[in-house]
N, C-alpha and C. Protein backbone atom coordinates (compact mmCIF):
# COMPACT_ATOMS: atom_id res chain seq x y z
N UNK A 1 -5.68 11.09 4.33
CA UNK A 1 -6.24 9.92 4.36
C UNK A 1 -6.13 9.33 2.80
N UNK A 2 -6.30 8.16 2.25
CA UNK A 2 -6.35 7.61 0.93
C UNK A 2 -7.55 6.55 0.68
N UNK A 3 -7.73 6.03 -0.41
CA UNK A 3 -8.78 5.26 -0.68
C UNK A 3 -8.25 4.12 -1.42
N UNK A 4 -7.04 3.99 -1.59
CA UNK A 4 -6.60 2.39 -2.15
C UNK A 4 -6.67 2.45 -3.72
N UNK A 5 -7.05 3.57 -4.30
CA UNK A 5 -7.49 3.64 -5.97
C UNK A 5 -6.35 4.45 -6.58
N UNK A 6 -5.57 3.32 -6.88
CA UNK A 6 -3.95 3.91 -7.74
C UNK A 6 -4.37 5.00 -8.66
N UNK A 7 -3.73 6.43 -8.53
CA UNK A 7 -4.07 7.05 -9.66
C UNK A 7 -2.81 6.86 -10.87
N UNK A 8 -1.70 6.65 -10.50
CA UNK A 8 -0.53 6.41 -11.30
C UNK A 8 0.27 5.62 -10.81
N UNK A 9 1.13 5.03 -11.87
CA UNK A 9 2.40 4.25 -11.74
C UNK A 9 3.54 5.30 -11.68
N UNK A 10 4.11 5.44 -10.62
CA UNK A 10 5.41 6.32 -11.00
C UNK A 10 6.33 5.62 -11.07
N UNK A 11 7.70 6.07 -11.28
CA UNK A 11 9.13 5.25 -11.28
C UNK A 11 9.96 5.87 -10.38
N UNK A 12 10.41 4.74 -9.59
CA UNK A 12 11.88 5.38 -8.65
C UNK A 12 12.91 6.05 -9.48
N UNK A 13 13.39 6.97 -9.33
CA UNK A 13 14.47 7.84 -9.69
C UNK A 13 15.96 7.32 -9.45
N UNK A 14 16.00 7.69 -8.13
CA UNK A 14 16.99 7.62 -7.26
C UNK A 14 16.54 7.08 -5.98
N UNK A 15 17.66 6.79 -4.93
CA UNK A 15 17.38 6.77 -3.76
C UNK A 15 18.84 6.92 -3.01
N UNK A 16 18.73 7.80 -2.00
CA UNK A 16 19.79 8.22 -1.44
C UNK A 16 19.87 8.14 0.16
N UNK A 17 20.72 8.04 0.54
CA UNK A 17 21.01 7.35 2.39
C UNK A 17 21.02 8.96 2.93
N UNK A 18 19.94 8.80 3.87
CA UNK A 18 19.83 10.05 5.03
C UNK A 18 20.57 9.44 6.53
N UNK A 19 20.47 10.60 7.07
CA UNK A 19 21.06 10.12 8.51
C UNK A 19 20.13 9.18 9.24
N UNK A 20 19.10 9.28 8.75
CA UNK A 20 17.87 8.24 9.39
C UNK A 20 16.86 7.43 8.41
N UNK A 21 17.66 7.25 7.49
CA UNK A 21 16.69 6.53 6.28
C UNK A 21 17.13 6.69 5.17
N UNK A 22 16.25 7.03 4.06
CA UNK A 22 16.46 7.11 2.63
C UNK A 22 15.61 8.29 2.02
N UNK A 23 15.91 9.04 1.22
CA UNK A 23 15.33 10.00 0.44
C UNK A 23 14.84 9.36 -1.26
N UNK A 24 13.89 9.06 -1.49
CA UNK A 24 13.40 8.64 -2.49
C UNK A 24 12.91 10.10 -3.48
N UNK A 25 13.55 9.91 -4.66
CA UNK A 25 13.07 10.90 -5.84
C UNK A 25 12.18 9.96 -6.78
N UNK A 26 10.89 10.34 -6.89
CA UNK A 26 10.02 9.53 -7.68
C UNK A 26 9.54 10.66 -8.90
N UNK A 27 9.87 10.04 -10.16
CA UNK A 27 9.08 10.61 -11.40
C UNK A 27 7.73 9.95 -11.33
N UNK A 28 6.81 11.19 -11.67
CA UNK A 28 5.50 11.10 -11.93
C UNK A 28 4.79 12.31 -12.48
N UNK A 29 3.69 12.27 -13.16
CA UNK A 29 3.02 13.51 -13.59
C UNK A 29 1.70 13.81 -12.97
N UNK A 30 0.77 12.88 -13.02
CA UNK A 30 -0.73 13.02 -12.39
C UNK A 30 -0.85 13.28 -10.88
N UNK A 31 -0.06 12.84 -10.19
CA UNK A 31 -0.18 12.98 -8.78
C UNK A 31 0.62 14.28 -8.34
N UNK A 32 1.18 15.24 -9.42
CA UNK A 32 1.88 16.38 -8.96
C UNK A 32 0.95 17.61 -9.20
N UNK A 33 -0.25 17.26 -9.88
CA UNK A 33 -1.38 18.30 -10.36
C UNK A 33 -2.02 18.40 -8.67
N UNK A 34 -1.90 19.69 -8.47
CA UNK A 34 -2.36 20.28 -7.31
C UNK A 34 -1.91 19.91 -5.90
N UNK A 35 -0.57 19.42 -5.96
CA UNK A 35 0.28 18.81 -5.33
C UNK A 35 1.24 20.02 -4.76
N UNK A 36 1.79 20.19 -3.61
CA UNK A 36 2.82 20.93 -2.79
C UNK A 36 3.65 20.36 -2.05
N UNK A 37 4.72 21.04 -1.94
CA UNK A 37 5.70 20.77 -0.59
C UNK A 37 5.06 20.64 0.54
N UNK A 38 5.16 19.57 1.32
CA UNK A 38 4.55 19.10 2.31
C UNK A 38 3.05 18.33 2.06
N UNK A 39 2.56 18.13 1.05
CA UNK A 39 1.37 17.57 0.50
C UNK A 39 1.76 15.91 0.86
N UNK A 40 0.84 15.18 1.08
CA UNK A 40 0.77 13.73 1.36
C UNK A 40 0.67 13.16 0.06
N UNK A 41 1.63 12.13 -0.29
CA UNK A 41 1.34 11.30 -1.18
C UNK A 41 1.41 9.65 -0.83
N UNK A 42 0.80 8.88 -1.07
CA UNK A 42 0.68 7.62 -0.96
C UNK A 42 1.68 6.70 -1.74
N UNK A 43 2.62 6.26 -1.00
CA UNK A 43 3.68 5.43 -2.18
C UNK A 43 3.79 3.89 -1.94
N UNK A 44 3.06 3.15 -2.83
CA UNK A 44 3.06 1.77 -2.39
C UNK A 44 2.51 1.43 -0.94
N UNK A 45 1.57 2.37 -0.59
CA UNK A 45 0.56 2.09 0.62
C UNK A 45 1.08 3.04 1.65
N UNK A 46 2.45 3.74 1.30
CA UNK A 46 2.92 4.35 2.71
C UNK A 46 2.68 5.63 2.53
N UNK A 47 2.11 6.49 3.55
CA UNK A 47 2.01 7.78 3.44
C UNK A 47 3.43 8.41 3.63
N UNK A 48 3.42 9.47 2.62
CA UNK A 48 5.15 10.14 2.47
C UNK A 48 4.57 11.55 2.35
N UNK A 49 5.58 12.48 2.80
CA UNK A 49 5.50 13.95 2.51
C UNK A 49 6.35 14.18 1.30
N UNK A 50 5.81 15.07 0.44
CA UNK A 50 6.66 15.54 -0.72
C UNK A 50 7.55 16.67 -0.24
N UNK A 51 8.74 16.48 0.29
CA UNK A 51 9.65 17.89 0.78
C UNK A 51 10.31 18.45 -0.58
N UNK A 52 10.20 18.07 -1.69
CA UNK A 52 10.74 18.88 -2.89
C UNK A 52 10.00 18.63 -4.18
N UNK A 53 9.88 19.32 -5.18
CA UNK A 53 9.14 19.29 -6.43
C UNK A 53 9.70 19.78 -7.44
N UNK A 54 9.39 19.03 -8.69
CA UNK A 54 10.01 19.59 -10.15
C UNK A 54 8.95 19.23 -10.91
N UNK A 55 9.42 19.59 -12.15
CA UNK A 55 8.18 19.35 -13.21
C UNK A 55 7.66 18.04 -13.62
N UNK A 56 8.46 16.90 -13.02
CA UNK A 56 8.32 15.66 -13.20
C UNK A 56 8.84 14.61 -12.05
N UNK A 57 8.84 15.16 -11.03
CA UNK A 57 9.49 14.43 -9.75
C UNK A 57 8.86 15.20 -8.31
N UNK A 58 8.76 14.02 -7.67
CA UNK A 58 9.01 14.64 -5.97
C UNK A 58 9.73 13.93 -5.19
N UNK A 59 10.22 14.52 -4.12
CA UNK A 59 11.25 13.99 -3.27
C UNK A 59 10.51 13.86 -1.79
N UNK A 60 10.95 12.61 -1.18
CA UNK A 60 10.45 12.06 0.23
C UNK A 60 11.32 11.39 1.26
N UNK A 61 11.12 12.01 2.19
CA UNK A 61 11.79 10.90 3.10
C UNK A 61 11.05 9.92 3.76
N UNK A 62 12.25 8.61 3.93
CA UNK A 62 11.52 7.63 4.72
C UNK A 62 12.42 7.39 5.60
N UNK A 63 12.09 7.49 6.95
CA UNK A 63 12.87 6.99 8.07
C UNK A 63 13.07 5.55 8.29
N UNK A 64 14.02 5.15 8.97
CA UNK A 64 14.39 3.82 9.04
C UNK A 64 13.52 2.91 9.43
N UNK A 65 12.69 3.25 10.48
CA UNK A 65 11.57 2.05 11.05
C UNK A 65 10.74 1.75 9.92
N UNK A 66 10.17 3.19 9.13
CA UNK A 66 9.42 2.71 7.85
C UNK A 66 10.14 1.64 6.97
N UNK A 67 11.44 1.87 6.69
CA UNK A 67 12.06 1.21 5.72
C UNK A 67 12.19 -0.36 6.21
N UNK A 68 12.09 -0.52 7.50
CA UNK A 68 12.09 -1.74 7.90
C UNK A 68 10.43 -2.80 7.87
N UNK A 69 9.87 -1.71 7.94
CA UNK A 69 8.56 -2.14 8.13
C UNK A 69 7.67 -2.60 6.83
N UNK A 70 7.99 -1.97 6.00
CA UNK A 70 7.54 -1.87 4.40
C UNK A 70 8.76 -2.27 3.52
N UNK A 71 8.12 -2.49 2.27
CA UNK A 71 9.31 -2.87 1.00
C UNK A 71 9.85 -1.62 0.53
N UNK A 72 9.72 -0.49 1.08
CA UNK A 72 10.09 1.06 0.74
C UNK A 72 11.96 0.65 0.65
N UNK A 73 12.33 0.12 1.70
CA UNK A 73 13.84 0.22 2.02
C UNK A 73 14.44 -0.73 0.92
N UNK A 74 13.83 -1.57 -0.05
CA UNK A 74 14.49 -2.72 -0.80
C UNK A 74 13.92 -2.00 -2.19
N UNK A 75 14.06 -0.93 -2.67
CA UNK A 75 13.39 -0.65 -3.80
C UNK A 75 14.53 0.06 -4.29
N UNK A 76 14.61 -0.32 -6.19
CA UNK A 76 15.70 0.16 -6.72
C UNK A 76 15.16 1.05 -7.75
N UNK A 77 16.37 1.69 -8.03
CA UNK A 77 15.99 2.74 -9.43
C UNK A 77 15.32 1.99 -10.45
N UNK A 78 14.16 2.85 -10.98
CA UNK A 78 13.52 1.85 -12.16
C UNK A 78 12.48 1.19 -11.90
N UNK A 79 12.21 1.02 -10.36
CA UNK A 79 10.89 0.35 -9.90
C UNK A 79 9.40 0.92 -10.00
N UNK A 80 8.52 0.30 -10.40
CA UNK A 80 7.30 1.21 -10.69
C UNK A 80 6.75 1.16 -9.22
N UNK A 81 5.94 2.27 -8.87
CA UNK A 81 5.44 2.48 -7.68
C UNK A 81 3.89 3.09 -7.67
N UNK A 82 3.03 2.36 -6.89
CA UNK A 82 1.41 2.83 -6.92
C UNK A 82 1.27 4.15 -6.14
N UNK A 83 0.99 5.28 -6.79
CA UNK A 83 0.97 6.28 -6.34
C UNK A 83 -0.75 7.01 -6.25
N UNK A 84 -0.81 7.64 -5.50
CA UNK A 84 -2.13 8.21 -5.17
C UNK A 84 -2.17 9.35 -3.83
N UNK A 85 -2.66 10.62 -4.40
CA UNK A 85 -3.11 11.62 -3.98
C UNK A 85 -3.95 11.40 -2.55
N UNK A 86 -3.78 12.47 -1.65
CA UNK A 86 -4.65 12.16 -0.41
C UNK A 86 -6.16 12.62 -0.97
N UNK A 87 -7.20 11.95 -0.14
CA UNK A 87 -8.48 12.23 -0.57
C UNK A 87 -9.00 13.47 -0.34
N UNK A 88 -9.62 13.97 -1.20
CA UNK A 88 -10.19 15.44 -1.07
C UNK A 88 -11.69 14.99 -0.18
N UNK A 89 -11.91 16.05 0.84
CA UNK A 89 -13.20 16.04 1.21
C UNK A 89 -14.20 16.30 0.23
N UNK A 90 -15.47 15.90 0.10
CA UNK A 90 -16.45 16.01 -0.86
C UNK A 90 -16.04 15.05 -2.13
N UNK A 91 -15.02 14.28 -2.14
CA UNK A 91 -14.56 13.52 -3.37
C UNK A 91 -15.41 12.10 -3.20
N UNK A 92 -15.11 11.59 -4.07
CA UNK A 92 -15.87 10.14 -4.22
C UNK A 92 -15.04 8.92 -3.56
N UNK A 93 -15.57 8.44 -2.79
CA UNK A 93 -14.88 7.14 -2.19
C UNK A 93 -14.80 5.99 -2.98
N UNK A 94 -14.17 5.82 -3.75
CA UNK A 94 -13.86 4.41 -4.29
C UNK A 94 -13.62 3.12 -3.93
N UNK A 95 -12.90 3.45 -2.87
CA UNK A 95 -12.27 1.88 -2.50
C UNK A 95 -12.61 2.13 -1.15
N UNK A 96 -11.52 2.25 -0.20
CA UNK A 96 -11.92 2.40 1.44
C UNK A 96 -10.98 3.31 1.87
N UNK A 97 -11.25 3.65 3.00
CA UNK A 97 -10.56 4.47 4.14
C UNK A 97 -9.09 3.59 4.55
N UNK A 98 -8.15 4.76 3.91
CA UNK A 98 -6.84 4.26 4.25
C UNK A 98 -5.89 5.25 5.09
N UNK A 99 -5.11 4.80 5.99
CA UNK A 99 -4.39 5.82 6.45
C UNK A 99 -2.93 6.13 6.07
N UNK A 100 -2.42 5.11 5.27
CA UNK A 100 -1.07 5.12 4.51
C UNK A 100 -0.01 4.62 5.59
N UNK A 101 -0.64 3.92 6.97
CA UNK A 101 0.17 3.45 7.86
C UNK A 101 0.38 1.94 7.75
N UNK A 102 1.56 1.43 7.28
CA UNK A 102 1.67 0.03 6.82
C UNK A 102 1.84 -1.07 8.33
N UNK A 103 0.91 -1.86 8.18
CA UNK A 103 0.79 -2.72 9.56
C UNK A 103 1.77 -3.93 9.43
N UNK A 104 2.22 -4.03 8.32
CA UNK A 104 3.28 -5.13 8.38
C UNK A 104 3.74 -5.55 6.71
N UNK A 105 4.78 -6.12 6.50
CA UNK A 105 5.19 -6.55 5.26
C UNK A 105 4.55 -8.21 5.21
N UNK A 106 3.88 -8.57 4.06
CA UNK A 106 3.74 -10.09 3.74
C UNK A 106 4.26 -10.56 2.42
N UNK A 107 4.77 -11.78 2.53
CA UNK A 107 5.47 -12.54 1.23
C UNK A 107 4.24 -12.97 0.48
N UNK A 108 4.14 -12.97 -0.62
CA UNK A 108 3.45 -13.38 -1.91
C UNK A 108 3.82 -14.99 -1.86
N UNK A 109 2.80 -15.72 -1.44
CA UNK A 109 3.03 -17.45 -1.41
C UNK A 109 2.72 -17.73 -2.75
N UNK A 110 1.83 -17.43 -3.60
CA UNK A 110 1.42 -17.96 -5.02
C UNK A 110 0.55 -17.11 -5.57
N UNK A 111 0.84 -17.01 -7.03
CA UNK A 111 -0.07 -16.40 -8.02
C UNK A 111 -0.72 -17.23 -8.86
N UNK A 112 -2.05 -17.07 -8.71
CA UNK A 112 -3.16 -18.21 -9.69
C UNK A 112 -3.62 -17.46 -10.66
N UNK A 113 -3.50 -17.43 -11.94
CA UNK A 113 -4.16 -16.78 -13.18
C UNK A 113 -5.21 -17.64 -13.32
N UNK A 114 -6.49 -17.07 -13.49
CA UNK A 114 -7.75 -17.60 -13.69
C UNK A 114 -8.36 -16.92 -15.09
N UNK A 115 -9.41 -17.80 -15.27
CA UNK A 115 -10.13 -17.11 -16.63
C UNK A 115 -10.23 -15.41 -16.68
N UNK A 116 -11.14 -15.14 -15.89
CA UNK A 116 -11.52 -13.50 -15.58
C UNK A 116 -10.57 -12.75 -14.71
N UNK A 117 -9.82 -13.42 -13.90
CA UNK A 117 -9.43 -12.78 -12.27
C UNK A 117 -8.19 -13.73 -12.14
N UNK A 118 -7.33 -12.96 -11.24
CA UNK A 118 -6.08 -13.16 -11.12
C UNK A 118 -6.05 -13.44 -9.45
N UNK A 119 -5.77 -14.46 -8.73
CA UNK A 119 -5.65 -14.62 -7.54
C UNK A 119 -4.34 -14.77 -6.57
N UNK A 120 -4.00 -13.66 -5.86
CA UNK A 120 -2.70 -13.36 -5.25
C UNK A 120 -3.16 -13.88 -3.71
N UNK A 121 -2.11 -14.99 -3.35
CA UNK A 121 -1.98 -15.71 -2.10
C UNK A 121 -1.07 -15.10 -1.22
N UNK A 122 -1.39 -14.70 -0.32
CA UNK A 122 -0.24 -14.13 0.76
C UNK A 122 -0.37 -14.65 2.25
N UNK A 123 1.03 -14.86 2.93
CA UNK A 123 1.12 -15.09 4.08
C UNK A 123 0.51 -14.34 4.95
N UNK A 124 -0.39 -14.93 6.09
CA UNK A 124 -1.03 -14.16 7.19
C UNK A 124 -0.15 -13.99 8.38
N UNK A 125 0.37 -12.92 8.43
CA UNK A 125 0.87 -13.25 9.81
C UNK A 125 0.20 -13.13 10.97
N UNK A 126 0.69 -13.33 12.04
CA UNK A 126 -0.20 -13.64 13.77
C UNK A 126 -0.75 -12.19 13.77
N UNK A 127 0.30 -11.07 13.69
CA UNK A 127 -0.23 -9.69 14.45
C UNK A 127 -1.34 -9.32 13.57
N UNK A 128 -1.82 -10.02 12.16
CA UNK A 128 -2.74 -9.49 11.13
C UNK A 128 -4.01 -10.08 11.50
N UNK A 129 -3.91 -11.47 11.91
CA UNK A 129 -5.05 -12.19 11.96
C UNK A 129 -6.58 -12.05 12.22
N UNK A 130 -6.39 -11.00 13.43
CA UNK A 130 -7.97 -10.80 14.04
C UNK A 130 -8.02 -9.43 13.11
N UNK A 131 -7.60 -8.80 12.50
CA UNK A 131 -7.96 -7.62 11.62
C UNK A 131 -8.52 -8.09 10.35
N UNK A 132 -8.34 -9.25 9.77
CA UNK A 132 -8.80 -9.67 8.14
C UNK A 132 -9.96 -10.44 8.53
N UNK A 133 -10.98 -10.48 7.66
CA UNK A 133 -12.22 -11.08 7.70
C UNK A 133 -12.61 -11.41 6.02
N UNK A 134 -13.32 -12.55 5.84
CA UNK A 134 -13.63 -12.80 4.42
C UNK A 134 -14.66 -11.67 4.20
N UNK A 135 -14.55 -11.61 2.71
CA UNK A 135 -15.19 -10.26 2.09
C UNK A 135 -14.89 -8.91 2.87
N UNK A 136 -14.01 -8.65 3.77
CA UNK A 136 -13.54 -7.41 4.23
C UNK A 136 -12.37 -6.72 3.50
N UNK A 137 -11.74 -5.56 3.58
CA UNK A 137 -11.13 -4.83 2.92
C UNK A 137 -9.50 -4.90 3.31
N UNK A 138 -8.64 -4.79 2.63
CA UNK A 138 -7.29 -4.90 2.78
C UNK A 138 -6.55 -4.12 1.72
N UNK A 139 -5.41 -3.31 2.06
CA UNK A 139 -4.99 -2.74 1.35
C UNK A 139 -3.38 -3.28 1.12
N UNK A 140 -3.06 -3.67 -0.46
CA UNK A 140 -1.62 -4.58 -0.21
C UNK A 140 -0.99 -3.45 -1.45
N UNK A 141 0.23 -3.17 -0.86
CA UNK A 141 0.60 -1.82 -1.76
C UNK A 141 0.14 -0.74 -2.03
N UNK A 142 -0.77 -0.14 -1.40
CA UNK A 142 -1.62 0.87 -1.43
C UNK A 142 -2.83 0.54 -2.45
N UNK A 143 -2.89 -0.58 -2.62
CA UNK A 143 -4.20 -1.19 -3.36
C UNK A 143 -5.40 -1.70 -2.60
N UNK A 144 -6.76 -0.89 -2.82
CA UNK A 144 -7.70 -1.40 -2.03
C UNK A 144 -8.48 -2.69 -2.67
N UNK A 145 -8.15 -3.80 -1.90
CA UNK A 145 -8.91 -5.21 -2.12
C UNK A 145 -10.01 -5.72 -1.27
N UNK A 146 -10.40 -6.74 -1.65
CA UNK A 146 -11.05 -7.63 -0.97
C UNK A 146 -10.78 -8.86 -0.76
N UNK A 147 -10.75 -9.37 0.78
CA UNK A 147 -10.44 -10.52 0.81
C UNK A 147 -11.26 -11.71 0.23
N UNK A 148 -10.68 -12.31 -0.69
CA UNK A 148 -11.66 -13.30 -0.96
C UNK A 148 -11.60 -14.57 -0.21
N UNK A 149 -10.43 -14.70 0.03
CA UNK A 149 -10.37 -16.26 0.85
C UNK A 149 -9.54 -16.02 2.05
N UNK A 150 -9.82 -16.77 3.31
CA UNK A 150 -8.92 -16.64 4.50
C UNK A 150 -9.00 -18.19 5.23
N UNK A 151 -7.48 -17.81 5.25
CA UNK A 151 -7.17 -19.19 6.07
C UNK A 151 -6.26 -19.01 7.38
N UNK A 152 -5.99 -20.01 7.85
CA UNK A 152 -5.36 -19.53 9.21
C UNK A 152 -3.85 -18.64 8.92
N UNK A 153 -3.13 -19.36 7.87
CA UNK A 153 -1.42 -18.75 7.91
C UNK A 153 -1.48 -18.08 6.58
N UNK A 154 -2.92 -17.75 5.74
CA UNK A 154 -2.80 -17.09 4.55
C UNK A 154 -4.06 -16.62 4.35
N UNK A 155 -3.82 -15.68 3.45
CA UNK A 155 -5.25 -14.57 2.88
C UNK A 155 -5.07 -14.54 1.00
N UNK A 156 -6.25 -14.60 0.22
CA UNK A 156 -6.16 -14.50 -0.93
C UNK A 156 -7.05 -13.56 -1.38
N UNK A 157 -6.44 -12.56 -2.42
CA UNK A 157 -7.57 -11.37 -2.84
C UNK A 157 -7.47 -11.83 -4.69
N UNK A 158 -8.40 -11.50 -5.01
CA UNK A 158 -8.52 -11.73 -6.48
C UNK A 158 -8.52 -10.35 -7.11
N UNK A 159 -7.56 -10.44 -8.19
CA UNK A 159 -7.42 -9.01 -8.95
C UNK A 159 -8.20 -9.44 -10.36
N UNK A 160 -9.12 -8.02 -10.76
CA UNK A 160 -9.58 -7.83 -11.99
C UNK A 160 -8.39 -7.35 -13.15
N UNK A 161 -8.64 -7.66 -14.23
CA UNK A 161 -7.63 -7.09 -15.29
C UNK A 161 -7.21 -5.64 -14.99
N UNK A 162 -8.22 -4.97 -14.55
CA UNK A 162 -7.89 -3.36 -14.90
C UNK A 162 -6.82 -3.17 -13.49
N UNK A 163 -7.05 -3.75 -12.39
CA UNK A 163 -6.20 -3.56 -11.10
C UNK A 163 -4.72 -4.21 -11.59
N UNK A 164 -4.84 -5.10 -12.53
CA UNK A 164 -3.40 -5.71 -12.79
C UNK A 164 -2.73 -4.72 -13.62
N UNK A 165 -3.29 -4.19 -14.41
CA UNK A 165 -2.73 -3.19 -15.63
C UNK A 165 -2.28 -1.84 -14.77
N UNK A 166 -2.94 -1.38 -13.80
CA UNK A 166 -3.13 0.18 -13.30
C UNK A 166 -2.37 0.19 -12.05
N UNK A 167 -1.89 -1.09 -11.75
CA UNK A 167 -0.80 -0.90 -10.51
C UNK A 167 0.20 -2.09 -10.72
N UNK A 168 0.93 -2.13 -9.67
CA UNK A 168 2.06 -3.36 -9.76
C UNK A 168 1.85 -4.18 -9.12
N UNK A 169 0.47 -4.76 -8.91
CA UNK A 169 0.29 -6.01 -8.25
C UNK A 169 0.21 -7.15 -9.60
N UNK A 170 0.16 -6.84 -10.72
CA UNK A 170 0.06 -7.74 -11.85
C UNK A 170 1.29 -8.53 -12.11
N UNK A 171 2.44 -7.66 -11.70
CA UNK A 171 3.70 -8.31 -11.62
C UNK A 171 4.35 -8.80 -10.41
N UNK A 172 3.57 -8.95 -9.63
CA UNK A 172 4.36 -9.64 -8.69
C UNK A 172 4.26 -11.17 -8.45
N UNK A 173 5.24 -11.89 -7.81
CA UNK A 173 5.36 -13.31 -8.11
C UNK A 173 5.55 -13.80 -7.02
N UNK A 174 5.85 -15.30 -6.50
CA UNK A 174 6.24 -15.96 -5.40
C UNK A 174 7.36 -15.28 -4.73
N UNK A 175 7.61 -15.18 -3.76
CA UNK A 175 8.46 -14.43 -2.95
C UNK A 175 8.70 -12.77 -2.69
N UNK A 176 7.81 -12.32 -3.74
CA UNK A 176 7.87 -10.75 -3.35
C UNK A 176 7.01 -10.27 -2.34
N UNK A 177 7.60 -9.19 -1.55
CA UNK A 177 6.86 -8.59 -0.19
C UNK A 177 6.05 -7.59 -0.86
N UNK A 178 4.78 -7.17 -0.07
CA UNK A 178 3.90 -6.52 -0.20
C UNK A 178 3.84 -5.80 1.09
N UNK A 179 3.21 -4.58 1.20
CA UNK A 179 2.83 -3.49 2.19
C UNK A 179 1.45 -3.90 2.62
N UNK A 180 1.36 -4.07 3.83
CA UNK A 180 -0.37 -4.48 4.23
C UNK A 180 -0.53 -3.47 5.28
N UNK A 181 -1.99 -3.01 4.58
CA UNK A 181 -2.61 -2.17 5.82
C UNK A 181 -4.33 -2.69 5.81
N UNK A 182 -4.23 -3.13 7.38
CA UNK A 182 -5.63 -3.77 7.36
C UNK A 182 -6.50 -2.48 7.72
N UNK A 183 -8.05 -3.29 7.14
CA UNK A 183 -8.92 -2.07 7.47
C UNK A 183 -8.77 -1.29 8.44
N UNK A 184 -9.01 -0.20 8.82
CA UNK A 184 -8.90 1.02 9.79
C UNK A 184 -9.93 0.62 10.80
N UNK A 185 -11.04 0.28 10.31
CA UNK A 185 -12.42 0.19 11.15
C UNK A 185 -12.52 -1.38 11.95
N UNK A 186 -11.66 -2.26 11.53
CA UNK A 186 -11.59 -3.57 11.80
C UNK A 186 -11.02 -3.56 13.08
N UNK A 187 -9.78 -2.48 12.80
CA UNK A 187 -8.61 -2.50 13.86
C UNK A 187 -9.47 -1.70 15.17
N UNK A 188 -10.16 -0.71 14.82
CA UNK A 188 -10.82 -0.06 15.92
C UNK A 188 -11.89 -1.04 16.53
N UNK A 189 -12.65 -1.93 16.03
CA UNK A 189 -13.46 -2.45 16.61
C UNK A 189 -12.72 -3.68 17.39
N UNK A 190 -11.56 -4.21 17.06
CA UNK A 190 -10.90 -5.07 17.63
C UNK A 190 -10.17 -4.55 19.02
N UNK A 191 -9.61 -3.45 18.42
CA UNK A 191 -8.97 -2.79 19.86
C UNK A 191 -10.04 -2.39 20.95
N UNK A 192 -11.19 -1.53 20.56
CA UNK A 192 -12.35 -1.60 21.27
C UNK A 192 -12.58 -2.56 22.17
N UNK A 193 -12.66 -3.84 21.60
CA UNK A 193 -13.39 -4.89 22.19
C UNK A 193 -12.25 -5.71 23.41
N UNK A 194 -10.73 -5.41 22.71
CA UNK A 194 -10.11 -5.93 23.69
C UNK A 194 -9.71 -5.13 24.83
N UNK A 195 -9.92 -4.00 24.74
CA UNK A 195 -9.85 -2.78 25.86
C UNK A 195 -11.27 -3.25 26.90
N UNK A 196 -12.36 -3.71 26.46
CA UNK A 196 -13.12 -3.77 27.15
C UNK A 196 -13.15 -5.42 28.06
N UNK A 197 -12.59 -6.10 27.36
CA UNK A 197 -12.23 -7.38 28.05
C UNK A 197 -11.23 -7.43 28.96
N UNK A 198 -10.19 -6.33 28.91
CA UNK A 198 -8.98 -6.18 30.08
C UNK A 198 -9.43 -5.18 31.22
N UNK A 199 -10.82 -4.65 30.71
CA UNK A 199 -11.24 -3.95 31.86
C UNK A 199 -11.84 -4.16 33.03
């Protein structure tokens, strides 16, 4: 489980094809502290398992289905990545509960810089519509954010300066793809109500 608070910007060192997906080698430093082989690390919002580690890198395998559902399959060497270690029990919960299970990819529709904030407008896919609500939480590329505005086919989040600099979101432009994870609690409520209606 994660919180959506990026600990470090890692850098993709290399991508290697495997029998059922790809293997990523990611250069990092902070997220390696206290991490070992089999530890979970959130990479751009996707929960991955460290399968090999060095002094300045970790390797992880990404299955083909995850490549299709997220933006990890289109990464190139040198790309910056949002990294976060798994939440420690008893630690501070700064963002919101995240599982690192991406629901869908969404395209950035527009980027609107304002005085003290930065508005990122993204497409709202039908599959996500019932899980987002105004002032609700959403994770974009592993970053915990608040839904500032919600329309039928789009949603907007506001980025403060710190978030723009501490994550990859400040460099996104129209047409880029983002990994979206809707709030887990919202999904539980909607799923429960749907089951009640059909029972």
